Amino acid sequence: MRAVFGSLRLTKGIDFDRDPSLSLDSAKGGLPKALVRAAANAGIRQPDAQITKLTQTTVRARLSGRSLSGIDLRFEVEVSGRGAADPAHKRRETVVPPASYGMAPFIVESYSNEMLAAMKIAAAMSETRNAPRDVYDLHDLLTAGADPAELLASRPAAALKQIHDRALRKLELISFALAREELLPYLPPTCGNR
């Protein structure tokens, strides 16, 4: 969201799609090593990465360490093998990091705003998830003109009825206390009045 859409919300972790040519076992073996190497290059002290989730399609690792000023850091990276998305809903963006990062620009492959909005709706309606950040991100995408209606209309009628029937119940679970805990710490101070 931040790299390709410009969202001001900071993230608790990064999600990647696994290229079909990379096996789940390779991702599982390589992810912790890559995270520790990247953390060390970024100046994080005592970097450690552990696998925290492993399913038939997904591997998640948690990176922990300490900043140069002694602050404990924790970050999660998830690599999913959900299958290739329709190329019509993909895009490539060049990300130019701030000069202080000491990083060269790099290319990120992501999804169209419509696909991101459809994915946020699916996440918000998931039985196993209750994240105020999904609603926040969806608001930003819709405000920018994303229209996921066509993508949602291609889903089975039963899935759409399920979203319809439980949308209010799911949204009512997002209390102010939950938003204060799960969302506000990841927003710049100027966004706190939304």
C-alpha atoms as a PDB file:
ATOM      1  CA  MET A   1       0.000   0.000   0.000  1.00  0.00           C
ATOM      2  CA  ARG A   2       2.766   2.436   0.904  1.00  0.00           C
ATOM      3  CA  ALA A   3       5.070   1.642  -2.000  1.00  0.00           C
ATOM      4  CA  VAL A   4       2.546   1.684  -4.817  1.00  0.00           C
ATOM      5  CA  PHE A   5      -0.360   3.693  -3.431  1.00  0.00           C
ATOM      6  CA  GLY A   6       1.313   6.231  -1.151  1.00  0.00           C
ATOM      7  CA  SER A   7      -0.531   5.220   2.022  1.00  0.00           C
ATOM      8  CA  LEU A   8       0.697   7.018   5.136  1.00  0.00           C
ATOM      9  CA  ARG A   9      -0.003   3.992   7.316  1.00  0.00           C
ATOM     10  CA  LEU A  10       3.090   2.189   8.496  1.00  0.00           C
ATOM     11  CA  THR A  11       3.022  -1.567   8.302  1.00  0.00           C
ATOM     12  CA  LYS A  12       3.469  -4.348  10.823  1.00  0.00           C
ATOM     13  CA  GLY A  13       5.022  -6.503   8.119  1.00  0.00           C
ATOM     14  CA  ILE A  14       5.355  -7.105   4.417  1.00  0.00           C
ATOM     15  CA  ASP A  15       3.451  -9.681   2.363  1.00  0.00           C
ATOM     16  CA  PHE A  16       4.942 -11.150  -0.798  1.00  0.00           C
ATOM     17  CA  ASP A  17       3.537 -13.471  -3.433  1.00  0.00           C
ATOM     18  CA  ARG A  18       5.795 -16.447  -4.073  1.00  0.00           C
ATOM     19  CA  ASP A  19       6.789 -16.943  -7.689  1.00  0.00           C
ATOM     20  CA  PRO A  20       5.534 -20.371  -8.850  1.00  0.00           C
ATOM     21  CA  SER A  21       9.132 -21.342  -9.722  1.00  0.00           C
ATOM     22  CA  LEU A  22      10.129 -21.046  -6.026  1.00  0.00           C
ATOM     23  CA  SER A  23       9.098 -23.975  -3.872  1.00  0.00           C
ATOM     24  CA  LEU A  24       7.647 -23.532  -0.411  1.00  0.00           C
ATOM     25  CA  ASP A  25      10.630 -25.425   1.032  1.00  0.00           C
ATOM     26  CA  SER A  26      13.040 -23.013  -0.649  1.00  0.00           C
ATOM     27  CA  ALA A  27      11.096 -20.038   0.721  1.00  0.00           C
ATOM     28  CA  LYS A  28      11.095 -21.583   4.195  1.00  0.00           C
ATOM     29  CA  GLY A  29      14.845 -22.177   4.110  1.00  0.00           C
ATOM     30  CA  GLY A  30      15.813 -18.885   2.502  1.00  0.00           C
ATOM     31  CA  LEU A  31      13.505 -16.405   4.212  1.00  0.00           C
ATOM     32  CA  PRO A  32      15.120 -16.331   7.681  1.00  0.00           C
ATOM     33  CA  LYS A  33      18.627 -16.098   6.184  1.00  0.00           C
ATOM     34  CA  ALA A  34      17.602 -13.263   3.864  1.00  0.00           C
ATOM     35  CA  LEU A  35      15.945 -11.350   6.714  1.00  0.00           C
ATOM     36  CA  VAL A  36      18.984 -11.650   8.992  1.00  0.00           C
ATOM     37  CA  ARG A  37      21.291 -10.548   6.174  1.00  0.00           C
ATOM     38  CA  ALA A  38      19.084  -7.548   5.310  1.00  0.00           C
ATOM     39  CA  ALA A  39      18.788  -6.569   8.989  1.00  0.00           C
ATOM     40  CA  ALA A  40      22.549  -6.719   9.485  1.00  0.00           C
ATOM     41  CA  ASN A  41      23.050  -4.551   6.367  1.00  0.00           C
ATOM     42  CA  ALA A  42      20.542  -2.058   7.816  1.00  0.00           C
ATOM     43  CA  GLY A  43      22.514  -1.810  11.072  1.00  0.00           C
ATOM     44  CA  ILE A  44      20.118  -3.818  13.231  1.00  0.00           C
ATOM     45  CA  ARG A  45      21.976  -5.438  16.106  1.00  0.00           C
ATOM     46  CA  GLN A  46      21.552  -9.092  17.072  1.00  0.00           C
ATOM     47  CA  PRO A  47      19.186  -9.882  14.198  1.00  0.00           C
ATOM     48  CA  ASP A  48      17.286 -13.136  14.504  1.00  0.00           C
ATOM     49  CA  ALA A  49      14.575 -14.558  12.255  1.00  0.00           C
ATOM     50  CA  GLN A  50      12.281 -17.455  13.070  1.00  0.00           C
ATOM     51  CA  ILE A  51       9.518 -19.144  11.102  1.00  0.00           C
ATOM     52  CA  THR A  52       6.197 -18.379  12.853  1.00  0.00           C
ATOM     53  CA  LYS A  53       3.700 -19.807  10.354  1.00  0.00           C
ATOM     54  CA  LEU A  54       3.900 -22.595   7.826  1.00  0.00           C
ATOM     55  CA  THR A  55       0.943 -23.858   5.809  1.00  0.00           C
ATOM     56  CA  GLN A  56       0.661 -25.625   2.451  1.00  0.00           C
ATOM     57  CA  THR A  57       0.877 -22.259   0.674  1.00  0.00           C
ATOM     58  CA  THR A  58       2.387 -19.757   3.124  1.00  0.00           C
ATOM     59  CA  VAL A  59       5.497 -19.189   5.192  1.00  0.00           C
ATOM     60  CA  ARG A  60       5.807 -16.340   7.699  1.00  0.00           C
ATOM     61  CA  ALA A  61       8.927 -15.285   9.584  1.00  0.00           C
ATOM     62  CA  ARG A  62       9.452 -12.820  12.416  1.00  0.00           C
ATOM     63  CA  LEU A  63      12.599 -10.711  12.421  1.00  0.00           C
ATOM     64  CA  SER A  64      13.733  -9.323  15.743  1.00  0.00           C
ATOM     65  CA  GLY A  65      16.727  -7.302  16.859  1.00  0.00           C
ATOM     66  CA  ARG A  66      17.763  -3.995  18.379  1.00  0.00           C
ATOM     67  CA  SER A  67      18.233  -0.593  16.812  1.00  0.00           C
ATOM     68  CA  LEU A  68      21.511   1.288  17.177  1.00  0.00           C
ATOM     69  CA  SER A  69      19.867   3.278  19.996  1.00  0.00           C
ATOM     70  CA  GLY A  70      18.878   0.071  21.816  1.00  0.00           C
ATOM     71  CA  ILE A  71      15.177  -0.094  20.916  1.00  0.00           C
ATOM     72  CA  ASP A  72      13.727  -3.593  20.487  1.00  0.00           C
ATOM     73  CA  LEU A  73      12.506  -4.162  16.927  1.00  0.00           C
ATOM     74  CA  ARG A  74      10.129  -6.760  15.532  1.00  0.00           C
ATOM     75  CA  PHE A  75       8.938  -7.179  11.975  1.00  0.00           C
ATOM     76  CA  GLU A  76       7.071  -9.896  10.073  1.00  0.00           C
ATOM     77  CA  VAL A  77       7.381 -11.037   6.486  1.00  0.00           C
ATOM     78  CA  GLU A  78       4.944 -13.436   4.839  1.00  0.00           C
ATOM     79  CA  VAL A  79       5.456 -15.199   1.522  1.00  0.00           C
ATOM     80  CA  SER A  80       2.297 -16.712   0.020  1.00  0.00           C
ATOM     81  CA  GLY A  81       1.858 -19.035  -2.934  1.00  0.00           C
ATOM     82  CA  ARG A  82      -1.754 -18.272  -3.784  1.00  0.00           C
ATOM     83  CA  GLY A  83      -1.242 -18.587  -7.526  1.00  0.00           C
ATOM     84  CA  ALA A  84      -0.558 -16.042 -10.205  1.00  0.00           C
ATOM     85  CA  ALA A  85      -2.878 -13.045 -10.418  1.00  0.00           C
ATOM     86  CA  ASP A  86      -4.371 -11.912 -13.704  1.00  0.00           C
ATOM     87  CA  PRO A  87      -1.715  -9.718 -15.401  1.00  0.00           C
ATOM     88  CA  ALA A  88      -4.448  -7.149 -16.089  1.00  0.00           C
ATOM     89  CA  HIS A  89      -4.576  -6.480 -12.350  1.00  0.00           C
ATOM     90  CA  LYS A  90      -0.821  -6.214 -11.800  1.00  0.00           C
ATOM     91  CA  ARG A  91       1.442  -3.200 -12.054  1.00  0.00           C
ATOM     92  CA  ARG A  92       5.096  -2.322 -11.615  1.00  0.00           C
ATOM     93  CA  GLU A  93       6.228   0.723  -9.692  1.00  0.00           C
ATOM     94  CA  THR A  94       9.681   2.176  -9.065  1.00  0.00           C
ATOM     95  CA  VAL A  95      10.214   2.958  -5.393  1.00  0.00           C
ATOM     96  CA  VAL A  96      12.739   5.694  -4.607  1.00  0.00           C
ATOM     97  CA  PRO A  97      13.778   5.396  -0.933  1.00  0.00           C
ATOM     98  CA  PRO A  98      14.803   8.521   0.996  1.00  0.00           C
ATOM     99  CA  ALA A  99      18.488   9.375   0.493  1.00  0.00           C
ATOM    100  CA  SER A 100      19.154   8.736   4.185  1.00  0.00           C
ATOM    101  CA  TYR A 101      18.342   5.034   3.640  1.00  0.00           C
ATOM    102  CA  GLY A 102      21.387   4.617   1.392  1.00  0.00           C
ATOM    103  CA  MET A 103      19.380   2.423  -0.979  1.00  0.00           C
ATOM    104  CA  ALA A 104      19.089   2.534  -4.738  1.00  0.00           C
ATOM    105  CA  PRO A 105      15.626   2.765  -6.322  1.00  0.00           C
ATOM    106  CA  PHE A 106      13.985  -0.622  -6.844  1.00  0.00           C
ATOM    107  CA  ILE A 107      10.996  -2.039  -8.696  1.00  0.00           C
ATOM    108  CA  VAL A 108       7.989  -3.502  -6.901  1.00  0.00           C
ATOM    109  CA  GLU A 109       5.341  -5.574  -8.625  1.00  0.00           C
ATOM    110  CA  SER A 110       1.947  -5.103  -7.037  1.00  0.00           C
ATOM    111  CA  TYR A 111      -1.749  -5.001  -7.846  1.00  0.00           C
ATOM    112  CA  SER A 112      -4.094  -2.437  -9.336  1.00  0.00           C
ATOM    113  CA  ASN A 113      -6.054  -0.276  -6.908  1.00  0.00           C
ATOM    114  CA  GLU A 114      -9.185  -2.267  -7.809  1.00  0.00           C
ATOM    115  CA  MET A 115      -7.498  -5.561  -6.930  1.00  0.00           C
ATOM    116  CA  LEU A 116      -6.091  -4.086  -3.696  1.00  0.00           C
ATOM    117  CA  ALA A 117      -9.594  -2.910  -2.734  1.00  0.00           C
ATOM    118  CA  ALA A 118     -11.107  -6.329  -3.490  1.00  0.00           C
ATOM    119  CA  MET A 119      -8.374  -7.982  -1.409  1.00  0.00           C
ATOM    120  CA  LYS A 120      -9.015  -5.578   1.486  1.00  0.00           C
ATOM    121  CA  ILE A 121     -12.728  -6.411   1.411  1.00  0.00           C
ATOM    122  CA  ALA A 122     -11.896 -10.124   1.479  1.00  0.00           C
ATOM    123  CA  ALA A 123      -9.508  -9.568   4.409  1.00  0.00           C
ATOM    124  CA  ALA A 124     -12.015  -7.450   6.332  1.00  0.00           C
ATOM    125  CA  MET A 125     -14.696 -10.110   5.897  1.00  0.00           C
ATOM    126  CA  SER A 126     -12.452 -13.035   6.816  1.00  0.00           C
ATOM    127  CA  GLU A 127     -13.667 -15.056   9.790  1.00  0.00           C
ATOM    128  CA  THR A 128     -10.115 -15.331  11.111  1.00  0.00           C
ATOM    129  CA  ARG A 129      -9.235 -11.637  10.947  1.00  0.00           C
ATOM    130  CA  ASN A 130     -10.410  -8.469  12.652  1.00  0.00           C
ATOM    131  CA  ALA A 131      -8.053  -5.682  11.609  1.00  0.00           C
ATOM    132  CA  PRO A 132      -9.041  -2.000  11.597  1.00  0.00           C
ATOM    133  CA  ARG A 133      -6.216  -1.370   9.131  1.00  0.00           C
ATOM    134  CA  ASP A 134      -8.188  -3.201   6.417  1.00  0.00           C
ATOM    135  CA  VAL A 135     -11.050  -0.709   6.729  1.00  0.00           C
ATOM    136  CA  TYR A 136      -8.596   2.216   6.873  1.00  0.00           C
ATOM    137  CA  ASP A 137      -6.833   1.023   3.715  1.00  0.00           C
ATOM    138  CA  LEU A 138     -10.138   0.371   1.954  1.00  0.00           C
ATOM    139  CA  HIS A 139     -11.264   3.922   2.764  1.00  0.00           C
ATOM    140  CA  ASP A 140      -8.067   5.309   1.205  1.00  0.00           C
ATOM    141  CA  LEU A 141      -8.441   3.174  -1.907  1.00  0.00           C
ATOM    142  CA  LEU A 142     -12.107   4.065  -2.441  1.00  0.00           C
ATOM    143  CA  THR A 143     -11.365   7.760  -1.854  1.00  0.00           C
ATOM    144  CA  ALA A 144      -8.758   7.518  -4.629  1.00  0.00           C
ATOM    145  CA  GLY A 145     -11.379   6.095  -7.001  1.00  0.00           C
ATOM    146  CA  ALA A 146     -10.738   2.360  -6.763  1.00  0.00           C
ATOM    147  CA  ASP A 147     -13.818   0.445  -7.870  1.00  0.00           C
ATOM    148  CA  PRO A 148     -13.655  -3.270  -7.008  1.00  0.00           C
ATOM    149  CA  ALA A 149     -17.266  -3.932  -8.141  1.00  0.00           C
ATOM    150  CA  GLU A 150     -16.286  -5.746 -11.352  1.00  0.00           C
ATOM    151  CA  LEU A 151     -13.802  -7.997  -9.541  1.00  0.00           C
ATOM    152  CA  LEU A 152     -16.275  -8.748  -6.767  1.00  0.00           C
ATOM    153  CA  ALA A 153     -19.048  -9.454  -9.294  1.00  0.00           C
ATOM    154  CA  SER A 154     -16.930 -12.263 -10.745  1.00  0.00           C
ATOM    155  CA  ARG A 155     -17.031 -14.115  -7.414  1.00  0.00           C
ATOM    156  CA  PRO A 156     -19.638 -16.832  -6.795  1.00  0.00           C
ATOM    157  CA  ALA A 157     -23.052 -15.560  -5.712  1.00  0.00           C
ATOM    158  CA  ALA A 158     -22.786 -17.499  -2.432  1.00  0.00           C
ATOM    159  CA  ALA A 159     -19.545 -15.700  -1.537  1.00  0.00           C
ATOM    160  CA  LEU A 160     -21.130 -12.310  -2.234  1.00  0.00           C
ATOM    161  CA  LYS A 161     -24.175 -13.215  -0.148  1.00  0.00           C
ATOM    162  CA  GLN A 162     -21.879 -14.221   2.710  1.00  0.00           C
ATOM    163  CA  ILE A 163     -20.123 -10.815   2.559  1.00  0.00           C
ATOM    164  CA  HIS A 164     -23.504  -9.075   2.471  1.00  0.00           C
ATOM    165  CA  ASP A 165     -24.931 -11.059   5.373  1.00  0.00           C
ATOM    166  CA  ARG A 166     -22.025 -10.591   7.766  1.00  0.00           C
ATOM    167  CA  ALA A 167     -20.568  -7.186   6.799  1.00  0.00           C
ATOM    168  CA  LEU A 168     -22.231  -5.184   9.590  1.00  0.00           C
ATOM    169  CA  ARG A 169     -21.526  -7.842  12.209  1.00  0.00           C
ATOM    170  CA  LYS A 170     -17.845  -7.885  11.212  1.00  0.00           C
ATOM    171  CA  LEU A 171     -17.551  -4.085  11.218  1.00  0.00           C
ATOM    172  CA  GLU A 172     -19.205  -3.844  14.634  1.00  0.00           C
ATOM    173  CA  LEU A 173     -16.302  -5.887  16.048  1.00  0.00           C
ATOM    174  CA  ILE A 174     -13.922  -3.011  15.304  1.00  0.00           C
ATOM    175  CA  SER A 175     -14.151  -0.953  18.468  1.00  0.00           C
ATOM    176  CA  PHE A 176     -12.358   2.302  19.172  1.00  0.00           C
ATOM    177  CA  ALA A 177     -10.169   0.472  21.690  1.00  0.00           C
ATOM    178  CA  LEU A 178      -9.128  -2.030  19.009  1.00  0.00           C
ATOM    179  CA  ALA A 179      -8.434   0.747  16.493  1.00  0.00           C
ATOM    180  CA  ARG A 180      -6.389   2.635  19.095  1.00  0.00           C
ATOM    181  CA  GLU A 181      -4.286  -0.475  19.692  1.00  0.00           C
ATOM    182  CA  GLU A 182      -4.044  -1.901  16.167  1.00  0.00           C
ATOM    183  CA  LEU A 183      -4.195   1.163  13.900  1.00  0.00           C
ATOM    184  CA  LEU A 184      -3.318   4.483  15.552  1.00  0.00           C
ATOM    185  CA  PRO A 185       0.301   3.534  16.404  1.00  0.00           C
ATOM    186  CA  TYR A 186       0.920   3.031  12.681  1.00  0.00           C
ATOM    187  CA  LEU A 187      -0.414   6.416  11.560  1.00  0.00           C
ATOM    188  CA  PRO A 188       1.467   9.727  11.471  1.00  0.00           C
ATOM    189  CA  PRO A 189       0.262  12.134  14.207  1.00  0.00           C
ATOM    190  CA  THR A 190      -1.457  14.314  11.583  1.00  0.00           C
ATOM    191  CA  CYS A 191      -3.713  11.387  10.597  1.00  0.00           C
ATOM    192  CA  GLY A 192      -5.000  10.746  14.106  1.00  0.00           C
ATOM    193  CA  ASN A 193      -8.077  12.936  13.621  1.00  0.00           C
ATOM    194  CA  ARG A 194      -9.591  10.862  10.783  1.00  0.00           C
END
